[in-house]
Structures are given as C-alpha cells and as structure tokens.
Protein backbone atom coordinates (compact mmCIF):
# COMPACT_ATOMS: atom_id res chain seq x y z
CA LEU A 1 32.49 2.98 15.49
CA MET A 2 30.27 5.50 14.77
CA LYS A 3 32.00 6.50 11.67
CA ALA A 4 30.86 3.87 10.12
CA ARG A 5 27.68 4.80 9.52
CA PHE A 6 28.59 7.32 7.47
CA ASN A 7 29.96 7.74 3.82
CA PRO A 8 33.69 6.88 4.16
CA ASP A 9 34.75 10.16 1.69
CA LYS A 10 32.40 12.16 3.22
CA ALA A 11 29.95 12.22 0.36
CA VAL A 12 26.62 12.97 0.39
CA LEU A 13 23.56 11.62 -0.95
CA LYS A 14 22.89 13.74 -3.74
CA ASP A 15 26.50 13.37 -5.14
CA ILE A 16 26.02 9.13 -5.30
CA VAL A 17 22.56 8.32 -6.49
CA THR A 18 21.03 9.51 -9.74
CA PRO A 19 19.00 12.91 -10.15
CA GLU A 20 15.67 11.09 -10.88
CA ARG A 21 16.47 8.56 -7.67
CA TYR A 22 17.09 11.73 -5.47
CA ASP A 23 14.26 13.83 -6.59
CA ARG A 24 12.18 10.62 -5.43
CA TRP A 25 13.79 10.60 -2.18
CA LEU A 26 13.43 14.19 -1.30
CA PRO A 27 9.38 13.72 -0.39
CA LEU A 28 10.48 10.84 1.38
CA ARG A 29 12.73 12.89 3.45
CA LYS A 30 9.96 15.27 4.42
CA LYS A 31 7.98 12.92 5.29
CA TYR A 32 9.77 10.52 7.22
CA PHE A 33 12.67 12.47 8.62
CA LYS A 34 11.06 15.83 9.29
CA ASP A 35 13.20 17.15 6.18
CA ASP A 36 16.55 16.63 8.09
CA ALA A 37 19.62 17.27 5.76
CA ASP A 38 21.84 16.20 7.78
CA ILE A 39 20.72 12.40 7.60
CA GLU A 40 22.29 12.68 3.40
CA ARG A 41 25.43 11.95 5.02
CA VAL A 42 24.64 8.78 6.61
CA ARG A 43 25.36 5.76 3.96
CA PRO A 44 22.82 4.98 1.75
CA MET A 45 21.87 1.50 3.27
CA PHE A 46 21.65 2.86 6.62
CA ILE A 47 19.00 5.55 4.99
CA ALA A 48 17.21 2.90 3.87
CA MET A 49 16.74 0.33 6.68
CA GLN A 50 15.70 3.28 9.10
CA LEU A 51 13.19 4.86 5.94
CA ARG A 52 11.58 1.32 6.44
CA LEU A 53 11.66 1.64 10.37
CA SER A 54 9.77 4.61 10.09
CA ALA A 55 7.57 3.64 7.00
CA GLY A 56 6.11 1.05 9.30
CA LYS A 57 5.93 2.76 12.37
CA ASP A 58 3.88 5.64 10.63
CA ALA A 59 1.69 3.00 9.33
CA GLY A 60 0.47 1.83 12.54
CA LEU A 61 3.43 -1.51 12.55
CA ASN A 62 6.01 -1.44 15.10
CA GLU A 63 7.63 -3.57 17.58
CA ASP A 64 6.10 -2.75 20.69
CA GLY A 65 3.21 -5.03 20.73
CA SER A 66 4.96 -7.53 19.14
CA VAL A 67 4.39 -11.26 20.96
CA SER A 68 8.13 -11.30 22.29
CA HIS A 69 7.80 -8.41 24.29
CA ILE A 70 3.89 -9.78 25.40
CA VAL A 71 5.59 -13.14 26.36
CA GLU A 72 8.68 -12.08 28.30
CA ALA A 73 6.05 -9.57 30.31
CA ALA A 74 3.75 -12.09 31.06
CA ALA A 75 6.62 -14.62 31.88
CA LYS A 76 8.35 -12.24 34.07
CA LYS A 77 4.96 -11.41 35.97
CA TYR A 78 4.66 -15.07 36.90
CA GLY A 79 7.87 -16.34 37.25
CA VAL A 80 8.82 -18.43 34.27
CA PRO A 81 12.43 -18.18 33.70
CA VAL A 82 13.39 -16.98 29.78
CA ARG A 83 16.51 -18.26 28.13
CA THR A 84 17.81 -16.45 25.26
CA THR A 85 20.54 -17.47 22.66
CA ASP A 86 23.78 -15.59 22.47
CA THR A 87 26.62 -15.62 20.36
CA LYS A 88 29.82 -14.18 21.25
CA ILE A 89 32.28 -13.06 18.93
CA GLU A 90 36.18 -12.24 19.73
CA VAL A 91 37.47 -9.45 17.49
CA LYS A 92 40.81 -9.84 17.72
CA ASP A 93 41.72 -6.26 15.53
CA PRO A 94 38.35 -3.89 16.18
CA LYS A 95 40.01 -1.17 13.92
CA GLN A 96 40.62 -3.49 11.31
CA ALA A 97 36.99 -5.05 11.49
CA ILE A 98 35.58 -1.22 10.97
CA ARG A 99 37.33 -0.52 8.40
CA ASP A 100 37.02 -3.68 7.18
CA TYR A 101 33.26 -3.35 7.10
CA THR A 102 33.68 0.63 6.01
CA ALA A 103 34.82 -0.81 2.43
CA THR A 104 31.44 -2.18 2.13
CA PRO A 105 31.01 -1.57 -1.68
CA ARG A 106 29.08 1.68 -2.88
CA ALA A 107 27.19 -0.30 -5.34
CA LYS A 108 25.66 -2.48 -2.69
CA ASP A 109 24.65 0.87 -0.45
CA ILE A 110 22.68 2.52 -3.61
CA GLU A 111 21.56 -0.92 -4.33
CA CYS A 112 19.53 -1.24 -1.29
CA PHE A 113 19.24 2.35 -0.93
CA ASN A 114 17.23 2.17 -4.20
CA THR A 115 15.09 -0.44 -3.68
CA ALA A 116 13.53 1.12 0.07
CA VAL A 117 12.98 4.31 -2.31
CA ASP A 118 11.37 2.14 -5.20
CA ASN A 119 9.04 0.08 -3.35
CA ILE A 120 8.38 1.82 0.37
CA GLU A 121 4.78 1.96 0.09
CA ALA A 122 4.59 -1.25 -1.80
CA ASP A 123 6.69 -2.82 1.06
CA VAL A 124 4.68 -1.24 3.62
CA GLU A 125 1.32 -2.78 2.13
CA LYS A 126 3.24 -6.03 2.01
CA ILE A 127 3.88 -5.89 5.88
CA LYS A 128 -0.04 -4.60 6.58
CA ALA A 129 -1.23 -7.49 4.70
CA ARG A 130 1.19 -9.95 6.20
CA ALA A 131 0.10 -8.71 9.62
CA LYS A 132 -3.21 -8.98 9.13
CA ALA A 133 -3.06 -13.06 8.03
CA TRP A 134 -0.96 -13.73 10.82
CA ALA A 135 -3.38 -11.73 13.47
CA VAL A 136 -6.26 -13.97 12.44
CA GLY A 137 -4.28 -17.04 12.00
CA ASP A 138 -4.64 -17.36 8.58
CA VAL A 139 -0.96 -19.22 7.50
CA ASP A 140 -1.90 -19.92 4.32
CA THR A 141 -2.47 -16.39 3.22
CA PHE A 142 0.87 -15.11 4.98
CA GLY A 143 2.42 -18.43 3.09
CA LYS A 144 1.53 -16.85 -0.44
CA LEU A 145 2.33 -13.24 0.38
CA PRO A 146 6.03 -12.15 -0.38
CA ALA A 147 8.26 -10.94 2.12
CA PRO A 148 9.08 -6.97 1.11
CA MET A 149 11.72 -6.36 -1.13
CA THR A 150 13.92 -4.50 1.06
CA ASN A 151 14.26 -6.47 3.52
CA ARG A 152 16.07 -9.11 1.34
CA VAL A 153 18.16 -6.61 -0.60
CA CYS A 154 19.33 -4.54 2.17
CA LEU A 155 20.25 -7.64 4.55
CA ASP A 156 22.98 -8.79 1.53
CA SER A 157 24.21 -4.83 1.50
CA LEU A 158 24.89 -5.23 5.04
CA THR A 159 26.52 -8.46 4.90
CA SER A 160 28.37 -7.26 1.56
CA ALA A 161 32.23 -6.38 2.74
CA PRO A 162 34.22 -8.70 1.10
CA ALA A 163 36.80 -8.87 3.84
CA LEU A 164 34.19 -10.51 6.14
CA GLN A 165 32.76 -13.05 4.34
CA GLY A 166 33.95 -15.67 6.35
CA GLU A 167 32.88 -14.11 9.22
CA PHE A 168 29.47 -13.67 8.77
CA SER A 169 29.17 -16.48 7.46
CA ASN A 170 30.42 -18.31 10.97
CA LEU A 171 28.14 -15.83 12.36
CA ARG A 172 25.14 -17.64 10.65
CA GLU A 173 25.93 -20.65 11.79
CA ARG A 174 27.00 -20.58 14.87
CA MET A 175 23.47 -18.36 15.67
CA LEU A 176 21.74 -21.45 14.27
CA GLN A 177 23.83 -23.93 16.19
CA GLY A 178 23.08 -22.27 19.57
CA TRP A 179 19.92 -21.82 18.86
CA LEU A 180 19.01 -25.81 18.17
CA TRP A 181 20.96 -26.31 21.21
CA GLU A 182 19.28 -24.53 23.52
CA VAL A 183 16.03 -26.02 22.11
CA GLU A 184 17.13 -29.66 22.57
CA LYS A 185 18.13 -29.13 26.05
CA ALA A 186 14.92 -27.41 27.35
CA LEU A 187 12.90 -30.16 25.06
CA GLU A 188 14.91 -32.62 27.48
CA LEU A 189 14.80 -30.63 30.73
CA ASN A 190 11.13 -29.31 30.55
CA ASP A 191 7.50 -30.85 30.52
CA VAL A 192 7.12 -27.50 28.29
CA THR A 193 9.01 -25.35 26.05
CA LEU A 194 7.26 -21.96 24.90
CA VAL A 195 9.72 -20.53 21.76
CA VAL A 196 8.81 -16.93 20.30
CA ILE A 197 10.13 -17.55 16.84
CA SER A 198 9.15 -15.93 13.49
CA LEU A 199 6.65 -17.35 11.47
CA ASP A 200 8.38 -16.87 8.33
CA GLU A 201 10.93 -19.34 10.10
CA VAL A 202 8.45 -21.43 10.98
CA LEU A 203 7.35 -22.06 7.59
CA SER A 204 11.13 -22.08 5.99
CA PRO A 205 11.86 -25.63 3.84
CA THR A 206 15.78 -24.25 5.44
CA GLY A 207 14.88 -22.58 8.59
CA ARG A 208 14.76 -24.00 12.32
CA PHE A 209 12.26 -25.88 12.16
CA ALA A 210 13.33 -27.61 9.52
CA ASN A 211 16.56 -28.51 10.77
CA LEU A 212 15.13 -29.64 14.01
CA ARG A 213 12.56 -32.20 11.82
CA ALA A 214 16.21 -33.09 10.03
CA ARG A 215 17.04 -34.28 13.14
CA GLY A 216 14.48 -36.58 13.75
CA TYR A 217 11.68 -34.09 15.65
CA THR A 218 7.80 -34.21 14.57
CA ILE A 219 6.73 -31.03 13.77
CA ASP A 220 3.45 -30.38 13.29
CA ALA A 221 2.39 -27.63 10.94
CA PRO A 222 0.81 -24.68 12.05
C-alpha cells in the first residue's frame, strides 16, 4: 500500500513536469520540505497535498485549534457522549484495488501538482481570509470568499482512478446517508444535539443541511 504513494514507473518529479514548473517548485521544496530531494519520488498529487498542509501550518493555520478538537475535549471532560459516523467498505481484492488506484492517470497527478504550485500563496491568503471571517462570525463575507482552488482540483485527482469510479461514488453516498441517519436518530432521542460540521457544508445549497431541509426539517440560517 505504501508503494502507491510513489510514481509507479519510479519516475521523479523533474522527469514528468515542465522545466518552468520545476523551477517554480524548487524554492517551495526548499521552504516547506527542508530541500529534501526524496520528496520528488512521491506522486505529484501527494506532493501537492503535503505542500498545501505545510504552507498552511507555516501561515499559522492548522487543525490543532479546530472546533472539533475543542468540542471533543469539552465533551470528554463533562462526560457527554460523542458519536461519529463510520462507513465500512469491504474490499474483496485489496491488491487489485491498490493496482487500480495506482493507475490514476498521470495527467490528473500533474494537474493537481501544477495547481498547487501556481496557487499556493493565493490559496493560503484565501484560507486566512476565510478563517478571519469565520472567527468573528461574518457569515456573509465567508460565503463570498472563494475556497482554495487546490482543494477542489486535487480532490478530483485523488478520486480519478478509472476502475474505481463506482466505488468512489458509492462511498460518497454511503457517507452522506450514514451521517443523515445518525443526525435523525440523535434528534429523535436527545433534547439537545450538537453537530460539528464545516461552514462550507452548512452554506452549501447541496450540502448535508440542504439534505435535511429536503427531508422536512426547518433550518435556521446562521
């Protein structure tokens, strides 16, 4: 499984991106990866994701202070039960599934990498602006700020293996239905239920709250 992180033909980054893009990448490697040349054996889309995380941490943005961690700590302290939604998948042939994933088109790998390299500074500024709006409850401003481009492009790349399209679609639907089931059960059994969910999902016209609204629930917008 760990081999799936690396280029299947043992190629290195310099061999599969344009010279211009590689020149743009080298200062980022030095800044965020301590100039570790071994990172170049990793598939470009995984390099891009790590670049996104490293740049976010460098800008003071990380998950250590996230609401979910704070809520979980408070719940544990006061003995409040916490439930999570788990989606189990039966993989009948794990080795074949790994081979199928390894067959993700290289063009998708490179698209994710190029997007990250070209937009990393702009993406970090977008994340910082969204974080500031979120922190003060400025929902209107948050809703108008675009999400980082790298997130969308790289998620598409991560789930683009041709032989696994059915599995990815089924997984997304099962995750949604599992979450809806847990929420409806909690609303039925509890006087008060607190759900931790991203503000993007709350505001999305097709998100999980929209699915609850479609089932007849009243949703008061933040």
